[in-house]
Amino acid sequence: VIYPSLVDVNSYALATVPLDTIYIANSSLPNAGLGAFAARSIARLSYFGPYGGFKHNNYIIANANGYAWTIDDKLHSMMYCIDASEPNNSNWLRFINCPNTLSQRNLVPLEYYEKVSKFQEQWQQSSILKQIIIRYYRFMQLKASHPINLLLVPTLDIEIVWQTHLLRPEIYQADCIRLFR
C-alpha cells in the first residue's frame, strides 16, 4: 500500500496502522519497545496482513532485530524470513509482539505459502489469473445480492485475490461502494 501523503518515510510503518482498529503504544513486555493493541473489539477469525518487509534467509539477522517473521517448512526448518526491521519498508504488523505465555496469545499466524506455492506457477499465466479475478468479482456480486447475515466462504484463490484487493484501499473502497450500494 502506498500512502502518498506520508512525509517522513521513516514513519511508514506507523502510517499504515488502521487507526479505527489498532493503536501503537509502549508494550508492557520487557524490552519489547512498541506494541500493537486493539482500539476496539475485533471479530474472531479476522485477518490482518500481509506482514511487510524484506525476504531473506539469514536467521541470525532476523532474530537479532526482533522485527522478523520466520516461515518454516513442514519439518519446522526455516525456509526464509520476512524482515521488518526498517520502518520505511514494513507495515504496522511489525509492532505485534509475541506473548510471554501461550495463555496470553490472542493472535495466531496464518501462512498461505504452503497452499499458494503449489499454484503459483499456474497463477502467473494471465489466462488463469483473469479467470480467478472474474471468480472473485462474481463472489463479491454474490455477497452483494444476499442478506448480510448469510455466511459465504470464499475458496483459496478467491481469498488471495480478496486479500490482494485489500492492499489497495482506495480501489477496494470504490469497488465496494459500487457493488454494495
N, C-alpha and C. Protein backbone atom coordinates (compact mmCIF):
# COMPACT_ATOMS: atom_id res chain seq x y z
N VAL A 1 0.85 -1.17 0.00
CA VAL A 1 0.00 0.00 0.00
C VAL A 1 0.90 1.23 0.00
N ILE A 2 0.64 2.17 -0.86
CA ILE A 2 1.42 3.40 -0.92
C ILE A 2 0.58 4.53 -0.31
N TYR A 3 1.17 5.24 0.61
CA TYR A 3 0.50 6.37 1.26
C TYR A 3 1.16 7.66 0.77
N PRO A 4 0.63 8.30 -0.29
CA PRO A 4 1.26 9.46 -0.88
C PRO A 4 1.36 10.65 0.06
N SER A 5 0.50 10.73 1.06
CA SER A 5 0.54 11.88 1.96
C SER A 5 1.61 11.74 3.03
N LEU A 6 2.28 10.60 3.08
CA LEU A 6 3.29 10.37 4.09
C LEU A 6 4.53 11.21 3.80
N VAL A 7 4.91 12.07 4.74
CA VAL A 7 6.05 12.97 4.55
C VAL A 7 7.35 12.29 4.98
N ASP A 8 7.37 11.70 6.15
CA ASP A 8 8.57 11.09 6.70
C ASP A 8 8.56 9.60 6.39
N VAL A 9 9.44 9.16 5.47
CA VAL A 9 9.44 7.75 5.08
C VAL A 9 9.82 6.84 6.24
N ASN A 10 10.51 7.35 7.26
CA ASN A 10 10.86 6.53 8.41
C ASN A 10 9.65 6.23 9.30
N SER A 11 8.54 6.88 9.02
CA SER A 11 7.31 6.64 9.78
C SER A 11 6.32 5.81 8.98
N TYR A 12 6.75 5.22 7.89
CA TYR A 12 5.84 4.48 7.02
C TYR A 12 5.07 3.41 7.78
N ALA A 13 5.77 2.61 8.59
CA ALA A 13 5.10 1.53 9.32
C ALA A 13 4.00 2.09 10.21
N LEU A 14 4.25 3.20 10.88
CA LEU A 14 3.23 3.82 11.73
C LEU A 14 2.07 4.37 10.91
N ALA A 15 2.38 4.86 9.71
CA ALA A 15 1.32 5.44 8.87
C ALA A 15 0.37 4.39 8.32
N THR A 16 0.75 3.12 8.37
CA THR A 16 -0.12 2.07 7.85
C THR A 16 -1.07 1.50 8.89
N VAL A 17 -1.01 1.98 10.11
CA VAL A 17 -1.86 1.47 11.19
C VAL A 17 -3.33 1.78 10.89
N PRO A 18 -4.21 0.77 10.90
CA PRO A 18 -5.64 1.03 10.72
C PRO A 18 -6.21 1.62 12.03
N LEU A 19 -6.21 2.93 12.15
CA LEU A 19 -6.50 3.61 13.41
C LEU A 19 -7.89 3.35 13.98
N ASP A 20 -8.81 2.90 13.15
CA ASP A 20 -10.13 2.57 13.68
C ASP A 20 -10.13 1.25 14.44
N THR A 21 -9.05 0.48 14.30
CA THR A 21 -8.99 -0.86 14.88
C THR A 21 -7.81 -1.06 15.81
N ILE A 22 -6.68 -0.46 15.49
CA ILE A 22 -5.40 -0.72 16.18
C ILE A 22 -4.77 0.60 16.60
N TYR A 23 -4.06 0.58 17.74
CA TYR A 23 -3.20 1.70 18.09
C TYR A 23 -1.85 1.16 18.54
N ILE A 24 -0.83 1.97 18.39
CA ILE A 24 0.54 1.59 18.74
C ILE A 24 0.92 2.34 20.01
N ALA A 25 1.47 1.61 20.99
CA ALA A 25 1.88 2.21 22.26
C ALA A 25 3.04 1.39 22.83
N ASN A 26 3.62 1.88 23.93
CA ASN A 26 4.69 1.13 24.59
C ASN A 26 4.13 -0.20 25.10
N SER A 27 4.89 -1.25 24.85
CA SER A 27 4.48 -2.58 25.29
C SER A 27 4.86 -2.79 26.75
N SER A 28 4.06 -3.56 27.46
CA SER A 28 4.39 -3.91 28.85
C SER A 28 5.36 -5.09 28.90
N LEU A 29 5.63 -5.71 27.76
CA LEU A 29 6.59 -6.80 27.72
C LEU A 29 8.00 -6.25 27.87
N PRO A 30 8.84 -6.87 28.67
CA PRO A 30 10.21 -6.38 28.87
C PRO A 30 10.98 -6.28 27.56
N ASN A 31 11.59 -5.14 27.32
CA ASN A 31 12.44 -4.87 26.14
C ASN A 31 11.72 -5.04 24.80
N ALA A 32 10.41 -4.95 24.79
CA ALA A 32 9.66 -5.15 23.54
C ALA A 32 9.49 -3.86 22.75
N GLY A 33 9.71 -2.72 23.37
CA GLY A 33 9.52 -1.46 22.65
C GLY A 33 8.05 -1.19 22.43
N LEU A 34 7.69 -0.84 21.21
CA LEU A 34 6.30 -0.54 20.88
C LEU A 34 5.53 -1.82 20.60
N GLY A 35 4.23 -1.78 20.85
CA GLY A 35 3.37 -2.92 20.57
C GLY A 35 2.09 -2.46 19.90
N ALA A 36 1.40 -3.39 19.27
CA ALA A 36 0.11 -3.12 18.62
C ALA A 36 -1.00 -3.59 19.56
N PHE A 37 -2.01 -2.73 19.73
CA PHE A 37 -3.11 -3.02 20.65
C PHE A 37 -4.43 -2.76 19.95
N ALA A 38 -5.45 -3.50 20.35
CA ALA A 38 -6.78 -3.33 19.76
C ALA A 38 -7.42 -2.06 20.30
N ALA A 39 -7.89 -1.22 19.40
CA ALA A 39 -8.59 0.01 19.77
C ALA A 39 -10.08 -0.27 20.02
N ARG A 40 -10.53 -1.41 19.56
CA ARG A 40 -11.92 -1.84 19.73
C ARG A 40 -11.94 -3.36 19.65
N SER A 41 -13.08 -3.93 19.91
CA SER A 41 -13.22 -5.37 19.80
C SER A 41 -13.03 -5.78 18.34
N ILE A 42 -12.26 -6.83 18.12
CA ILE A 42 -12.00 -7.31 16.77
C ILE A 42 -12.66 -8.68 16.63
N ALA A 43 -13.43 -8.84 15.59
CA ALA A 43 -14.16 -10.09 15.39
C ALA A 43 -13.22 -11.28 15.33
N ARG A 44 -13.63 -12.37 15.94
CA ARG A 44 -12.88 -13.61 15.88
C ARG A 44 -12.72 -14.02 14.42
N LEU A 45 -11.58 -14.58 14.09
CA LEU A 45 -11.22 -15.04 12.75
C LEU A 45 -10.99 -13.89 11.77
N SER A 46 -10.70 -12.69 12.28
CA SER A 46 -10.33 -11.58 11.41
C SER A 46 -8.92 -11.82 10.87
N TYR A 47 -8.67 -11.32 9.67
CA TYR A 47 -7.35 -11.46 9.05
C TYR A 47 -6.68 -10.11 8.97
N PHE A 48 -5.38 -10.08 9.25
CA PHE A 48 -4.55 -8.90 9.03
C PHE A 48 -3.36 -9.35 8.20
N GLY A 49 -2.92 -8.53 7.30
CA GLY A 49 -1.73 -8.92 6.55
C GLY A 49 -1.76 -8.36 5.15
N PRO A 50 -0.74 -8.64 4.41
CA PRO A 50 0.41 -9.46 4.76
C PRO A 50 1.43 -8.70 5.60
N TYR A 51 2.28 -9.44 6.27
CA TYR A 51 3.38 -8.88 7.06
C TYR A 51 4.39 -8.32 6.07
N GLY A 52 4.69 -7.02 6.19
CA GLY A 52 5.57 -6.36 5.22
C GLY A 52 7.03 -6.36 5.62
N GLY A 53 7.92 -6.47 4.66
CA GLY A 53 9.35 -6.43 4.91
C GLY A 53 10.12 -7.06 3.78
N PHE A 54 11.42 -7.28 4.02
CA PHE A 54 12.29 -7.89 3.02
C PHE A 54 12.41 -9.39 3.27
N LYS A 55 12.40 -10.13 2.20
CA LYS A 55 12.54 -11.59 2.30
C LYS A 55 14.03 -11.94 2.23
N HIS A 56 14.49 -12.74 3.19
CA HIS A 56 15.87 -13.25 3.15
C HIS A 56 15.92 -14.54 3.97
N ASN A 57 17.09 -15.15 4.03
CA ASN A 57 17.19 -16.41 4.77
C ASN A 57 18.31 -16.39 5.82
N ASN A 58 18.59 -15.22 6.39
CA ASN A 58 19.61 -15.10 7.44
C ASN A 58 18.92 -15.07 8.80
N TYR A 59 18.87 -16.22 9.45
CA TYR A 59 18.18 -16.36 10.73
C TYR A 59 18.81 -15.50 11.82
N ILE A 60 20.13 -15.34 11.81
CA ILE A 60 20.83 -14.56 12.84
C ILE A 60 20.40 -13.10 12.78
N ILE A 61 20.36 -12.53 11.59
CA ILE A 61 19.92 -11.14 11.44
C ILE A 61 18.45 -11.00 11.83
N ALA A 62 17.64 -11.94 11.41
CA ALA A 62 16.20 -11.89 11.72
C ALA A 62 15.97 -11.93 13.23
N ASN A 63 16.67 -12.78 13.93
CA ASN A 63 16.50 -12.90 15.37
C ASN A 63 17.06 -11.70 16.13
N ALA A 64 18.13 -11.11 15.61
CA ALA A 64 18.79 -10.00 16.31
C ALA A 64 17.94 -8.73 16.34
N ASN A 65 17.19 -8.46 15.29
CA ASN A 65 16.47 -7.18 15.25
C ASN A 65 15.09 -7.24 15.90
N GLY A 66 14.52 -8.42 16.06
CA GLY A 66 13.23 -8.54 16.73
C GLY A 66 12.02 -8.19 15.87
N TYR A 67 12.25 -7.78 14.64
CA TYR A 67 11.15 -7.42 13.74
C TYR A 67 11.14 -8.34 12.53
N ALA A 68 11.04 -9.63 12.77
CA ALA A 68 11.06 -10.57 11.66
C ALA A 68 10.08 -11.71 11.91
N TRP A 69 9.61 -12.26 10.84
CA TRP A 69 8.72 -13.40 10.87
C TRP A 69 9.41 -14.51 10.10
N THR A 70 9.56 -15.67 10.72
CA THR A 70 10.19 -16.77 10.01
C THR A 70 9.12 -17.68 9.41
N ILE A 71 9.36 -18.12 8.21
CA ILE A 71 8.46 -19.03 7.51
C ILE A 71 9.16 -20.38 7.48
N ASP A 72 8.51 -21.37 8.08
CA ASP A 72 9.10 -22.70 8.20
C ASP A 72 8.46 -23.68 7.23
N ASP A 73 9.21 -24.72 6.91
CA ASP A 73 8.65 -25.79 6.09
C ASP A 73 7.94 -26.80 6.98
N LYS A 74 7.50 -27.90 6.41
CA LYS A 74 6.74 -28.90 7.17
C LYS A 74 7.56 -29.53 8.29
N LEU A 75 8.88 -29.52 8.16
CA LEU A 75 9.76 -30.11 9.17
C LEU A 75 10.21 -29.07 10.20
N HIS A 76 9.61 -27.89 10.16
CA HIS A 76 9.89 -26.78 11.07
C HIS A 76 11.31 -26.23 10.90
N SER A 77 11.86 -26.36 9.70
CA SER A 77 13.13 -25.73 9.37
C SER A 77 12.82 -24.42 8.65
N MET A 78 13.59 -23.39 8.96
CA MET A 78 13.33 -22.09 8.37
C MET A 78 13.58 -22.12 6.86
N MET A 79 12.58 -21.68 6.10
CA MET A 79 12.75 -21.52 4.66
C MET A 79 13.27 -20.12 4.35
N TYR A 80 12.67 -19.12 5.02
CA TYR A 80 13.08 -17.73 4.85
C TYR A 80 12.46 -16.88 5.93
N CYS A 81 12.87 -15.61 5.98
CA CYS A 81 12.34 -14.63 6.93
C CYS A 81 11.72 -13.48 6.16
N ILE A 82 10.73 -12.85 6.78
CA ILE A 82 10.26 -11.56 6.32
C ILE A 82 10.76 -10.58 7.38
N ASP A 83 11.73 -9.76 7.01
CA ASP A 83 12.42 -8.87 7.93
C ASP A 83 11.79 -7.48 7.86
N ALA A 84 11.19 -7.05 8.97
CA ALA A 84 10.51 -5.75 9.03
C ALA A 84 11.30 -4.75 9.87
N SER A 85 12.61 -4.90 9.95
CA SER A 85 13.42 -4.03 10.81
C SER A 85 13.46 -2.59 10.33
N GLU A 86 13.29 -2.36 9.03
CA GLU A 86 13.31 -1.00 8.51
C GLU A 86 11.87 -0.46 8.45
N PRO A 87 11.56 0.57 9.26
CA PRO A 87 10.17 1.06 9.31
C PRO A 87 9.68 1.64 8.00
N ASN A 88 10.58 2.02 7.09
CA ASN A 88 10.13 2.57 5.80
C ASN A 88 9.90 1.47 4.77
N ASN A 89 10.18 0.22 5.13
CA ASN A 89 9.94 -0.91 4.22
C ASN A 89 9.15 -2.02 4.90
N SER A 90 8.28 -1.63 5.82
CA SER A 90 7.45 -2.61 6.53
C SER A 90 6.09 -1.96 6.79
N ASN A 91 5.28 -2.61 7.60
CA ASN A 91 3.99 -2.04 7.94
C ASN A 91 3.71 -2.21 9.43
N TRP A 92 2.51 -1.85 9.86
CA TRP A 92 2.19 -1.85 11.30
C TRP A 92 2.29 -3.21 11.95
N LEU A 93 2.22 -4.29 11.17
CA LEU A 93 2.28 -5.63 11.75
C LEU A 93 3.62 -5.90 12.44
N ARG A 94 4.63 -5.09 12.15
CA ARG A 94 5.93 -5.24 12.81
C ARG A 94 5.82 -4.99 14.31
N PHE A 95 4.78 -4.30 14.75
CA PHE A 95 4.61 -3.96 16.17
C PHE A 95 3.88 -5.03 16.97
N ILE A 96 3.50 -6.12 16.32
CA ILE A 96 2.86 -7.21 17.06
C ILE A 96 3.95 -8.00 17.77
N ASN A 97 3.86 -8.08 19.08
CA ASN A 97 4.86 -8.77 19.89
C ASN A 97 4.37 -10.16 20.29
N CYS A 98 5.32 -11.05 20.51
CA CYS A 98 4.99 -12.39 21.00
C CYS A 98 4.58 -12.30 22.46
N PRO A 99 3.59 -13.07 22.87
CA PRO A 99 3.16 -13.05 24.28
C PRO A 99 4.18 -13.78 25.16
N ASN A 100 4.13 -13.48 26.48
CA ASN A 100 5.02 -14.16 27.42
C ASN A 100 4.65 -15.63 27.59
N THR A 101 3.36 -15.92 27.53
CA THR A 101 2.90 -17.30 27.72
C THR A 101 1.87 -17.63 26.64
N LEU A 102 1.66 -18.91 26.42
CA LEU A 102 0.69 -19.35 25.43
C LEU A 102 -0.72 -18.90 25.80
N SER A 103 -1.02 -18.83 27.09
CA SER A 103 -2.37 -18.41 27.51
C SER A 103 -2.64 -16.93 27.20
N GLN A 104 -1.58 -16.14 27.01
CA GLN A 104 -1.75 -14.72 26.66
C GLN A 104 -1.96 -14.52 25.16
N ARG A 105 -1.73 -15.54 24.38
CA ARG A 105 -1.81 -15.41 22.92
C ARG A 105 -3.25 -15.16 22.50
N ASN A 106 -3.45 -14.10 21.73
CA ASN A 106 -4.78 -13.81 21.20
C ASN A 106 -4.73 -13.55 19.69
N LEU A 107 -3.61 -13.89 19.10
CA LEU A 107 -3.41 -13.72 17.67
C LEU A 107 -2.65 -14.94 17.17
N VAL A 108 -3.12 -15.52 16.10
CA VAL A 108 -2.49 -16.73 15.57
C VAL A 108 -2.01 -16.45 14.16
N PRO A 109 -0.75 -16.76 13.85
CA PRO A 109 -0.26 -16.54 12.48
C PRO A 109 -0.87 -17.53 11.51
N LEU A 110 -1.08 -17.08 10.31
CA LEU A 110 -1.62 -17.91 9.25
C LEU A 110 -0.71 -17.76 8.05
N GLU A 111 -0.17 -18.85 7.57
CA GLU A 111 0.74 -18.79 6.42
C GLU A 111 0.04 -19.36 5.20
N TYR A 112 -0.01 -18.58 4.15
CA TYR A 112 -0.59 -19.04 2.89
C TYR A 112 0.44 -19.77 2.04
N TYR A 113 1.72 -19.63 2.37
CA TYR A 113 2.79 -20.10 1.50
C TYR A 113 2.57 -21.53 1.02
N GLU A 114 2.31 -22.44 1.95
CA GLU A 114 2.21 -23.86 1.63
C GLU A 114 1.21 -24.11 0.51
N LYS A 115 0.01 -23.53 0.63
CA LYS A 115 -1.01 -23.77 -0.37
C LYS A 115 -0.78 -22.93 -1.63
N VAL A 116 -0.30 -21.72 -1.45
CA VAL A 116 -0.12 -20.82 -2.58
C VAL A 116 0.98 -21.31 -3.50
N SER A 117 2.07 -21.82 -2.92
CA SER A 117 3.21 -22.20 -3.74
C SER A 117 2.86 -23.28 -4.76
N LYS A 118 1.92 -24.15 -4.44
CA LYS A 118 1.54 -25.21 -5.36
C LYS A 118 0.91 -24.65 -6.63
N PHE A 119 0.25 -23.52 -6.52
CA PHE A 119 -0.47 -22.95 -7.65
C PHE A 119 0.25 -21.74 -8.26
N GLN A 120 1.34 -21.32 -7.64
CA GLN A 120 1.98 -20.07 -8.03
C GLN A 120 2.35 -20.03 -9.51
N GLU A 121 2.94 -21.10 -10.02
CA GLU A 121 3.34 -21.11 -11.42
C GLU A 121 2.12 -20.99 -12.34
N GLN A 122 1.05 -21.70 -12.02
CA GLN A 122 -0.16 -21.63 -12.83
C GLN A 122 -0.79 -20.24 -12.77
N TRP A 123 -0.79 -19.65 -11.57
CA TRP A 123 -1.44 -18.36 -11.39
C TRP A 123 -0.73 -17.25 -12.14
N GLN A 124 0.53 -17.46 -12.47
CA GLN A 124 1.26 -16.42 -13.19
C GLN A 124 0.86 -16.37 -14.66
N GLN A 125 0.14 -17.37 -15.14
CA GLN A 125 -0.36 -17.36 -16.51
C GLN A 125 -1.54 -16.39 -16.56
N SER A 126 -1.49 -15.45 -17.47
CA SER A 126 -2.51 -14.40 -17.49
C SER A 126 -3.92 -14.94 -17.68
N SER A 127 -4.09 -16.00 -18.47
CA SER A 127 -5.44 -16.53 -18.70
C SER A 127 -6.04 -17.09 -17.40
N ILE A 128 -5.23 -17.78 -16.61
CA ILE A 128 -5.71 -18.33 -15.33
C ILE A 128 -5.95 -17.20 -14.34
N LEU A 129 -5.06 -16.24 -14.30
CA LEU A 129 -5.22 -15.10 -13.39
C LEU A 129 -6.51 -14.34 -13.69
N LYS A 130 -6.80 -14.14 -14.96
CA LYS A 130 -8.04 -13.47 -15.35
C LYS A 130 -9.26 -14.24 -14.86
N GLN A 131 -9.21 -15.57 -14.99
CA GLN A 131 -10.33 -16.40 -14.53
C GLN A 131 -10.52 -16.27 -13.02
N ILE A 132 -9.42 -16.24 -12.28
CA ILE A 132 -9.50 -16.13 -10.82
C ILE A 132 -10.10 -14.78 -10.44
N ILE A 133 -9.69 -13.72 -11.11
CA ILE A 133 -10.21 -12.38 -10.81
C ILE A 133 -11.70 -12.31 -11.15
N ILE A 134 -12.11 -12.92 -12.25
CA ILE A 134 -13.54 -12.97 -12.60
C ILE A 134 -14.31 -13.72 -11.51
N ARG A 135 -13.76 -14.85 -11.03
CA ARG A 135 -14.41 -15.60 -9.95
C ARG A 135 -14.53 -14.75 -8.69
N TYR A 136 -13.50 -13.95 -8.40
CA TYR A 136 -13.53 -13.07 -7.23
C TYR A 136 -14.65 -12.04 -7.37
N TYR A 137 -14.75 -11.38 -8.52
CA TYR A 137 -15.80 -10.38 -8.71
C TYR A 137 -17.19 -11.02 -8.67
N ARG A 138 -17.32 -12.22 -9.18
CA ARG A 138 -18.61 -12.92 -9.09
C ARG A 138 -18.95 -13.22 -7.63
N PHE A 139 -17.94 -13.59 -6.86
CA PHE A 139 -18.15 -13.84 -5.43
C PHE A 139 -18.61 -12.56 -4.74
N MET A 140 -17.97 -11.45 -5.05
CA MET A 140 -18.36 -10.16 -4.45
C MET A 140 -19.79 -9.79 -4.85
N GLN A 141 -20.16 -10.04 -6.10
CA GLN A 141 -21.54 -9.77 -6.55
C GLN A 141 -22.53 -10.67 -5.81
N LEU A 142 -22.13 -11.91 -5.58
CA LEU A 142 -22.98 -12.84 -4.83
C LEU A 142 -23.19 -12.33 -3.41
N LYS A 143 -22.11 -11.86 -2.78
CA LYS A 143 -22.23 -11.29 -1.42
C LYS A 143 -23.14 -10.08 -1.43
N ALA A 144 -23.02 -9.25 -2.46
CA ALA A 144 -23.83 -8.03 -2.54
C ALA A 144 -25.31 -8.34 -2.72
N SER A 145 -25.62 -9.46 -3.34
CA SER A 145 -27.02 -9.77 -3.64
C SER A 145 -27.71 -10.63 -2.58
N HIS A 146 -26.99 -10.99 -1.52
CA HIS A 146 -27.56 -11.82 -0.46
C HIS A 146 -27.58 -11.08 0.87
N PRO A 147 -28.42 -11.52 1.79
CA PRO A 147 -28.50 -10.85 3.11
C PRO A 147 -27.15 -10.84 3.81
N ILE A 148 -26.91 -9.80 4.58
CA ILE A 148 -25.63 -9.62 5.26
C ILE A 148 -25.33 -10.74 6.25
N ASN A 149 -26.37 -11.38 6.79
CA ASN A 149 -26.15 -12.44 7.77
C ASN A 149 -25.90 -13.81 7.15
N LEU A 150 -25.92 -13.90 5.83
CA LEU A 150 -25.64 -15.15 5.14
C LEU A 150 -24.12 -15.29 5.00
N LEU A 151 -23.56 -16.37 5.56
CA LEU A 151 -22.13 -16.59 5.52
C LEU A 151 -21.74 -17.25 4.21
N LEU A 152 -20.94 -16.55 3.42
CA LEU A 152 -20.40 -17.10 2.18
C LEU A 152 -18.89 -17.22 2.35
N VAL A 153 -18.37 -18.41 2.18
CA VAL A 153 -16.95 -18.66 2.41
C VAL A 153 -16.24 -18.78 1.06
N PRO A 154 -15.24 -17.93 0.81
CA PRO A 154 -14.54 -17.98 -0.48
C PRO A 154 -13.56 -19.15 -0.54
N THR A 155 -13.29 -19.60 -1.76
CA THR A 155 -12.24 -20.60 -1.97
C THR A 155 -10.88 -19.92 -1.81
N LEU A 156 -9.82 -20.71 -1.75
CA LEU A 156 -8.48 -20.16 -1.53
C LEU A 156 -8.09 -19.14 -2.60
N ASP A 157 -8.34 -19.43 -3.87
CA ASP A 157 -7.96 -18.49 -4.91
C ASP A 157 -8.70 -17.16 -4.77
N ILE A 158 -9.99 -17.23 -4.45
CA ILE A 158 -10.78 -16.00 -4.26
C ILE A 158 -10.28 -15.25 -3.03
N GLU A 159 -9.98 -15.95 -1.96
CA GLU A 159 -9.47 -15.31 -0.73
C GLU A 159 -8.18 -14.56 -0.99
N ILE A 160 -7.29 -15.15 -1.77
CA ILE A 160 -6.00 -14.50 -2.05
C ILE A 160 -6.21 -13.25 -2.90
N VAL A 161 -7.08 -13.31 -3.89
CA VAL A 161 -7.37 -12.11 -4.69
C VAL A 161 -8.03 -11.06 -3.81
N TRP A 162 -8.90 -11.48 -2.91
CA TRP A 162 -9.56 -10.56 -1.98
C TRP A 162 -8.52 -9.84 -1.10
N GLN A 163 -7.61 -10.62 -0.52
CA GLN A 163 -6.57 -10.01 0.32
C GLN A 163 -5.69 -9.06 -0.50
N THR A 164 -5.43 -9.41 -1.74
CA THR A 164 -4.65 -8.53 -2.62
C THR A 164 -5.42 -7.25 -2.92
N HIS A 165 -6.71 -7.36 -3.16
CA HIS A 165 -7.57 -6.20 -3.41
C HIS A 165 -7.53 -5.25 -2.21
N LEU A 166 -7.52 -5.82 -1.00
CA LEU A 166 -7.48 -5.01 0.22
C LEU A 166 -6.19 -4.19 0.34
N LEU A 167 -5.15 -4.59 -0.36
CA LEU A 167 -3.88 -3.85 -0.32
C LEU A 167 -3.98 -2.51 -1.04
N ARG A 168 -5.02 -2.30 -1.82
CA ARG A 168 -5.26 -1.03 -2.49
C ARG A 168 -6.57 -0.45 -1.95
N PRO A 169 -6.53 0.14 -0.73
CA PRO A 169 -7.77 0.53 -0.05
C PRO A 169 -8.66 1.49 -0.83
N GLU A 170 -8.07 2.40 -1.60
CA GLU A 170 -8.91 3.35 -2.34
C GLU A 170 -9.71 2.62 -3.42
N ILE A 171 -9.06 1.72 -4.14
CA ILE A 171 -9.72 0.97 -5.19
C ILE A 171 -10.74 0.01 -4.58
N TYR A 172 -10.35 -0.65 -3.49
CA TYR A 172 -11.27 -1.57 -2.81
C TYR A 172 -12.53 -0.84 -2.35
N GLN A 173 -12.35 0.32 -1.74
CA GLN A 173 -13.50 1.09 -1.26
C GLN A 173 -14.42 1.49 -2.41
N ALA A 174 -13.84 1.99 -3.49
CA ALA A 174 -14.65 2.39 -4.65
C ALA A 174 -15.41 1.20 -5.23
N ASP A 175 -14.73 0.06 -5.33
CA ASP A 175 -15.39 -1.14 -5.86
C ASP A 175 -16.52 -1.60 -4.94
N CYS A 176 -16.28 -1.56 -3.64
CA CYS A 176 -17.33 -1.97 -2.69
C CYS A 176 -18.52 -1.02 -2.70
N ILE A 177 -18.26 0.26 -2.81
CA ILE A 177 -19.36 1.24 -2.89
C ILE A 177 -20.19 0.96 -4.14
N ARG A 178 -19.51 0.69 -5.25
CA ARG A 178 -20.20 0.39 -6.50
C ARG A 178 -21.01 -0.90 -6.38
N LEU A 179 -20.46 -1.91 -5.75
CA LEU A 179 -21.13 -3.21 -5.64
C LEU A 179 -22.22 -3.28 -4.58
N PHE A 180 -22.00 -2.60 -3.44
CA PHE A 180 -22.88 -2.80 -2.28
C PHE A 180 -23.86 -1.68 -2.02
N ARG A 181 -23.96 -0.68 -2.87
CA ARG A 181 -24.92 0.40 -2.57
C ARG A 181 -26.30 0.09 -3.01
